[in-house]
Amino acid sequence: MTEPVSAAEIDGVVPPAEPKKSNWRFLVDALKPSTVWKMADGQPVVLKQFVQFCLIIVYPGWVLGILGCLAVYGLFYITVYPVLWVLFWPMRAWMKKNRPEEYAESQRKK
């Protein structure tokens, strides 16, 4: 058995879980300089300063990489996702007709 980690767990109160961020939001948040700056948190002082200096130097490349990821992610939803939607239409139609409860549950999970 594991020991309780926080006072809330000791009291039996479970804090509400944060809603999961979408991949799109995660990538956009990664563009913020403060997010990159926080990557050095938890390091000893001199090492933290050196890592932050290196992150500042690498930041333009970081931004280009994230923008590239966003472009690929966006192109996927413009090109591949609709094709998959059409290809799997017979399966969705069959599920909706023969197993309406499971189909409704799968639609709620979104």
N, C-alpha and C. Protein backbone atom coordinates (compact mmCIF):
# COMPACT_ATOMS: atom_id res chain seq x y z
N MET A 1 0.85 -1.18 0.00
CA MET A 1 0.00 0.00 0.00
C MET A 1 0.89 1.24 0.00
N THR A 2 0.48 2.22 -0.76
CA THR A 2 1.27 3.45 -0.83
C THR A 2 0.82 4.43 0.23
N GLU A 3 1.75 5.26 0.64
CA GLU A 3 1.42 6.27 1.64
C GLU A 3 0.76 7.46 0.96
N PRO A 4 -0.14 8.15 1.69
CA PRO A 4 -0.76 9.35 1.11
C PRO A 4 0.30 10.40 0.78
N VAL A 5 0.10 11.08 -0.32
CA VAL A 5 1.07 12.05 -0.78
C VAL A 5 0.75 13.44 -0.25
N SER A 6 -0.51 13.78 -0.17
CA SER A 6 -0.89 15.13 0.23
C SER A 6 -1.87 15.09 1.39
N ALA A 7 -2.09 16.26 1.98
CA ALA A 7 -3.06 16.37 3.07
C ALA A 7 -4.46 16.05 2.59
N ALA A 8 -4.76 16.37 1.33
CA ALA A 8 -6.09 16.08 0.78
C ALA A 8 -6.33 14.57 0.73
N GLU A 9 -5.30 13.80 0.41
CA GLU A 9 -5.45 12.35 0.38
C GLU A 9 -5.60 11.79 1.78
N ILE A 10 -4.94 12.40 2.76
CA ILE A 10 -5.07 11.95 4.14
C ILE A 10 -6.50 12.16 4.62
N ASP A 11 -7.10 13.30 4.26
CA ASP A 11 -8.47 13.60 4.66
C ASP A 11 -9.49 12.81 3.85
N GLY A 12 -9.07 12.16 2.79
CA GLY A 12 -9.99 11.40 1.96
C GLY A 12 -10.64 12.24 0.88
N VAL A 13 -10.21 13.49 0.74
CA VAL A 13 -10.76 14.36 -0.28
C VAL A 13 -9.83 14.32 -1.48
N VAL A 14 -10.38 13.97 -2.62
CA VAL A 14 -9.57 13.90 -3.83
C VAL A 14 -9.75 15.21 -4.59
N PRO A 15 -8.66 15.92 -4.86
CA PRO A 15 -8.80 17.17 -5.60
C PRO A 15 -9.28 16.90 -7.02
N PRO A 16 -10.06 17.82 -7.59
CA PRO A 16 -10.56 17.59 -8.94
C PRO A 16 -9.41 17.58 -9.95
N ALA A 17 -9.50 16.66 -10.87
CA ALA A 17 -8.45 16.53 -11.89
C ALA A 17 -8.58 17.66 -12.90
N GLU A 18 -7.43 18.17 -13.33
CA GLU A 18 -7.44 19.21 -14.35
C GLU A 18 -7.86 18.59 -15.67
N PRO A 19 -8.65 19.31 -16.46
CA PRO A 19 -9.02 18.76 -17.76
C PRO A 19 -7.78 18.61 -18.64
N LYS A 20 -7.75 17.55 -19.41
CA LYS A 20 -6.59 17.28 -20.26
C LYS A 20 -6.54 18.30 -21.40
N LYS A 21 -5.35 18.86 -21.61
CA LYS A 21 -5.16 19.82 -22.70
C LYS A 21 -5.14 19.08 -24.03
N SER A 22 -5.67 19.72 -25.04
CA SER A 22 -5.58 19.14 -26.38
C SER A 22 -4.14 19.26 -26.87
N ASN A 23 -3.80 18.44 -27.83
CA ASN A 23 -2.45 18.50 -28.39
C ASN A 23 -2.18 19.86 -29.01
N TRP A 24 -3.18 20.43 -29.65
CA TRP A 24 -3.05 21.75 -30.28
C TRP A 24 -2.70 22.79 -29.22
N ARG A 25 -3.43 22.80 -28.09
CA ARG A 25 -3.20 23.76 -27.01
C ARG A 25 -1.82 23.53 -26.40
N PHE A 26 -1.42 22.27 -26.25
CA PHE A 26 -0.11 21.95 -25.68
C PHE A 26 1.01 22.53 -26.55
N LEU A 27 0.88 22.39 -27.87
CA LEU A 27 1.91 22.92 -28.77
C LEU A 27 1.93 24.44 -28.75
N VAL A 28 0.76 25.07 -28.72
CA VAL A 28 0.70 26.53 -28.68
C VAL A 28 1.30 27.05 -27.38
N ASP A 29 1.02 26.37 -26.27
CA ASP A 29 1.60 26.78 -24.98
C ASP A 29 3.12 26.60 -24.98
N ALA A 30 3.63 25.64 -25.74
CA ALA A 30 5.07 25.41 -25.80
C ALA A 30 5.80 26.54 -26.51
N LEU A 31 5.08 27.39 -27.24
CA LEU A 31 5.71 28.52 -27.91
C LEU A 31 6.04 29.66 -26.96
N LYS A 32 5.40 29.69 -25.80
CA LYS A 32 5.63 30.79 -24.86
C LYS A 32 7.05 30.71 -24.29
N PRO A 33 7.74 31.84 -24.24
CA PRO A 33 9.10 31.83 -23.67
C PRO A 33 9.11 31.36 -22.22
N SER A 34 8.06 31.66 -21.47
CA SER A 34 8.04 31.25 -20.06
C SER A 34 8.04 29.73 -19.92
N THR A 35 7.40 29.03 -20.85
CA THR A 35 7.40 27.57 -20.81
C THR A 35 8.81 27.03 -21.03
N VAL A 36 9.50 27.59 -21.99
CA VAL A 36 10.88 27.16 -22.25
C VAL A 36 11.77 27.52 -21.07
N TRP A 37 11.57 28.70 -20.50
CA TRP A 37 12.37 29.18 -19.37
C TRP A 37 12.21 28.25 -18.17
N LYS A 38 10.99 27.72 -17.96
CA LYS A 38 10.72 26.86 -16.80
C LYS A 38 11.35 25.48 -16.93
N MET A 39 11.85 25.13 -18.10
CA MET A 39 12.47 23.82 -18.27
C MET A 39 13.72 23.67 -17.41
N ALA A 40 14.29 24.78 -16.98
CA ALA A 40 15.50 24.73 -16.16
C ALA A 40 15.18 24.71 -14.67
N ASP A 41 13.92 24.78 -14.30
CA ASP A 41 13.56 24.77 -12.87
C ASP A 41 14.01 23.46 -12.22
N GLY A 42 14.37 23.56 -10.97
CA GLY A 42 14.78 22.39 -10.22
C GLY A 42 16.27 22.08 -10.31
N GLN A 43 17.02 22.91 -11.01
CA GLN A 43 18.46 22.71 -11.13
C GLN A 43 19.18 23.60 -10.12
N PRO A 44 20.41 23.24 -9.74
CA PRO A 44 21.20 24.13 -8.88
C PRO A 44 21.42 25.48 -9.58
N VAL A 45 21.70 26.51 -8.81
CA VAL A 45 21.71 27.89 -9.31
C VAL A 45 22.59 28.09 -10.54
N VAL A 46 23.85 27.74 -10.47
CA VAL A 46 24.75 28.00 -11.60
C VAL A 46 24.34 27.17 -12.82
N LEU A 47 23.99 25.92 -12.59
CA LEU A 47 23.55 25.06 -13.70
C LEU A 47 22.25 25.59 -14.30
N LYS A 48 21.36 26.08 -13.46
CA LYS A 48 20.10 26.63 -13.94
C LYS A 48 20.35 27.84 -14.84
N GLN A 49 21.26 28.71 -14.44
CA GLN A 49 21.57 29.88 -15.25
C GLN A 49 22.17 29.47 -16.60
N PHE A 50 23.03 28.47 -16.58
CA PHE A 50 23.64 28.00 -17.83
C PHE A 50 22.58 27.37 -18.74
N VAL A 51 21.71 26.57 -18.17
CA VAL A 51 20.66 25.93 -18.97
C VAL A 51 19.71 26.98 -19.54
N GLN A 52 19.35 27.99 -18.74
CA GLN A 52 18.49 29.05 -19.25
C GLN A 52 19.18 29.82 -20.38
N PHE A 53 20.46 30.06 -20.25
CA PHE A 53 21.22 30.72 -21.31
C PHE A 53 21.18 29.89 -22.60
N CYS A 54 21.40 28.59 -22.46
CA CYS A 54 21.36 27.71 -23.64
C CYS A 54 19.96 27.68 -24.25
N LEU A 55 18.93 27.68 -23.41
CA LEU A 55 17.55 27.67 -23.92
C LEU A 55 17.22 28.96 -24.66
N ILE A 56 17.77 30.09 -24.19
CA ILE A 56 17.55 31.36 -24.89
C ILE A 56 18.18 31.30 -26.28
N ILE A 57 19.37 30.71 -26.37
CA ILE A 57 20.05 30.60 -27.67
C ILE A 57 19.27 29.67 -28.61
N VAL A 58 18.72 28.61 -28.08
CA VAL A 58 18.02 27.60 -28.88
C VAL A 58 16.58 28.01 -29.20
N TYR A 59 16.05 29.03 -28.52
CA TYR A 59 14.63 29.38 -28.63
C TYR A 59 14.15 29.61 -30.07
N PRO A 60 14.88 30.34 -30.94
CA PRO A 60 14.38 30.51 -32.32
C PRO A 60 14.18 29.17 -33.05
N GLY A 61 15.10 28.25 -32.86
CA GLY A 61 14.94 26.92 -33.46
C GLY A 61 13.77 26.17 -32.85
N TRP A 62 13.57 26.36 -31.55
CA TRP A 62 12.44 25.76 -30.85
C TRP A 62 11.13 26.24 -31.46
N VAL A 63 11.03 27.55 -31.69
CA VAL A 63 9.81 28.13 -32.27
C VAL A 63 9.58 27.56 -33.67
N LEU A 64 10.63 27.49 -34.49
CA LEU A 64 10.47 26.94 -35.84
C LEU A 64 10.03 25.47 -35.79
N GLY A 65 10.59 24.72 -34.86
CA GLY A 65 10.20 23.32 -34.71
C GLY A 65 8.74 23.16 -34.30
N ILE A 66 8.31 23.96 -33.34
CA ILE A 66 6.92 23.90 -32.88
C ILE A 66 5.98 24.33 -34.00
N LEU A 67 6.34 25.39 -34.74
CA LEU A 67 5.50 25.82 -35.85
C LEU A 67 5.42 24.73 -36.92
N GLY A 68 6.52 24.01 -37.14
CA GLY A 68 6.49 22.88 -38.07
C GLY A 68 5.56 21.78 -37.59
N CYS A 69 5.61 21.49 -36.29
CA CYS A 69 4.70 20.48 -35.71
C CYS A 69 3.25 20.92 -35.86
N LEU A 70 2.99 22.20 -35.61
CA LEU A 70 1.62 22.70 -35.76
C LEU A 70 1.15 22.59 -37.21
N ALA A 71 2.05 22.85 -38.17
CA ALA A 71 1.69 22.74 -39.58
C ALA A 71 1.35 21.29 -39.95
N VAL A 72 2.18 20.36 -39.51
CA VAL A 72 1.93 18.94 -39.79
C VAL A 72 0.64 18.49 -39.12
N TYR A 73 0.43 18.92 -37.88
CA TYR A 73 -0.77 18.56 -37.14
C TYR A 73 -2.01 19.11 -37.84
N GLY A 74 -1.94 20.36 -38.29
CA GLY A 74 -3.06 20.97 -38.99
C GLY A 74 -3.33 20.29 -40.33
N LEU A 75 -2.26 19.98 -41.07
CA LEU A 75 -2.44 19.30 -42.36
C LEU A 75 -3.04 17.91 -42.19
N PHE A 76 -2.72 17.23 -41.09
CA PHE A 76 -3.31 15.93 -40.82
C PHE A 76 -4.83 16.06 -40.72
N TYR A 77 -5.29 17.06 -39.98
CA TYR A 77 -6.73 17.21 -39.80
C TYR A 77 -7.43 17.73 -41.04
N ILE A 78 -6.68 18.34 -41.95
CA ILE A 78 -7.29 18.82 -43.18
C ILE A 78 -7.33 17.71 -44.23
N THR A 79 -6.31 16.85 -44.26
CA THR A 79 -6.21 15.85 -45.33
C THR A 79 -6.52 14.43 -44.87
N VAL A 80 -5.83 13.92 -43.88
CA VAL A 80 -5.93 12.52 -43.50
C VAL A 80 -7.20 12.23 -42.70
N TYR A 81 -7.54 13.07 -41.76
CA TYR A 81 -8.68 12.82 -40.88
C TYR A 81 -9.99 12.67 -41.66
N PRO A 82 -10.30 13.55 -42.63
CA PRO A 82 -11.54 13.35 -43.39
C PRO A 82 -11.55 12.04 -44.20
N VAL A 83 -10.40 11.65 -44.72
CA VAL A 83 -10.33 10.39 -45.47
C VAL A 83 -10.63 9.21 -44.55
N LEU A 84 -10.04 9.22 -43.36
CA LEU A 84 -10.31 8.14 -42.40
C LEU A 84 -11.78 8.15 -41.98
N TRP A 85 -12.36 9.33 -41.84
CA TRP A 85 -13.77 9.45 -41.47
C TRP A 85 -14.65 8.76 -42.51
N VAL A 86 -14.35 8.98 -43.79
CA VAL A 86 -15.13 8.37 -44.87
C VAL A 86 -14.88 6.86 -44.93
N LEU A 87 -13.63 6.44 -44.78
CA LEU A 87 -13.32 5.01 -44.85
C LEU A 87 -13.99 4.21 -43.74
N PHE A 88 -14.09 4.79 -42.56
CA PHE A 88 -14.67 4.06 -41.44
C PHE A 88 -16.16 4.34 -41.25
N TRP A 89 -16.79 5.02 -42.21
CA TRP A 89 -18.21 5.30 -42.11
C TRP A 89 -19.04 4.02 -42.01
N PRO A 90 -18.78 2.95 -42.80
CA PRO A 90 -19.59 1.74 -42.67
C PRO A 90 -19.53 1.14 -41.27
N MET A 91 -18.38 1.19 -40.64
CA MET A 91 -18.26 0.64 -39.29
C MET A 91 -19.08 1.46 -38.29
N ARG A 92 -19.03 2.79 -38.42
CA ARG A 92 -19.82 3.63 -37.52
C ARG A 92 -21.31 3.42 -37.74
N ALA A 93 -21.73 3.29 -39.00
CA ALA A 93 -23.14 3.07 -39.31
C ALA A 93 -23.61 1.73 -38.74
N TRP A 94 -22.79 0.69 -38.86
CA TRP A 94 -23.15 -0.62 -38.33
C TRP A 94 -23.28 -0.57 -36.81
N MET A 95 -22.31 0.09 -36.16
CA MET A 95 -22.37 0.22 -34.69
C MET A 95 -23.62 0.98 -34.26
N LYS A 96 -23.94 2.05 -34.98
CA LYS A 96 -25.10 2.86 -34.62
C LYS A 96 -26.38 2.06 -34.77
N LYS A 97 -26.44 1.18 -35.77
CA LYS A 97 -27.65 0.40 -36.01
C LYS A 97 -27.75 -0.79 -35.06
N ASN A 98 -26.67 -1.54 -34.87
CA ASN A 98 -26.72 -2.81 -34.13
C ASN A 98 -26.38 -2.69 -32.65
N ARG A 99 -25.61 -1.70 -32.28
CA ARG A 99 -25.21 -1.52 -30.87
C ARG A 99 -25.33 -0.05 -30.49
N PRO A 100 -26.55 0.45 -30.39
CA PRO A 100 -26.73 1.89 -30.15
C PRO A 100 -26.19 2.36 -28.81
N GLU A 101 -26.23 1.50 -27.77
CA GLU A 101 -25.73 1.92 -26.45
C GLU A 101 -24.22 2.14 -26.50
N GLU A 102 -23.51 1.17 -27.09
CA GLU A 102 -22.05 1.30 -27.18
C GLU A 102 -21.66 2.47 -28.07
N TYR A 103 -22.43 2.68 -29.15
CA TYR A 103 -22.14 3.79 -30.05
C TYR A 103 -22.32 5.12 -29.32
N ALA A 104 -23.42 5.25 -28.58
CA ALA A 104 -23.67 6.49 -27.84
C ALA A 104 -22.58 6.73 -26.79
N GLU A 105 -22.14 5.65 -26.13
CA GLU A 105 -21.08 5.79 -25.13
C GLU A 105 -19.77 6.24 -25.77
N SER A 106 -19.46 5.68 -26.93
CA SER A 106 -18.22 6.07 -27.60
C SER A 106 -18.27 7.52 -28.07
N GLN A 107 -19.44 8.02 -28.40
CA GLN A 107 -19.57 9.41 -28.81
C GLN A 107 -19.45 10.35 -27.61
N ARG A 108 -19.87 9.90 -26.44
CA ARG A 108 -19.76 10.73 -25.22
C ARG A 108 -18.32 10.86 -24.76
N LYS A 109 -17.47 9.89 -25.06
CA LYS A 109 -16.08 9.91 -24.60
C LYS A 109 -15.28 11.05 -25.21
N LYS A 110 -15.77 11.63 -26.27
CA LYS A 110 -15.05 12.73 -26.91
C LYS A 110 -15.08 13.90 -25.99
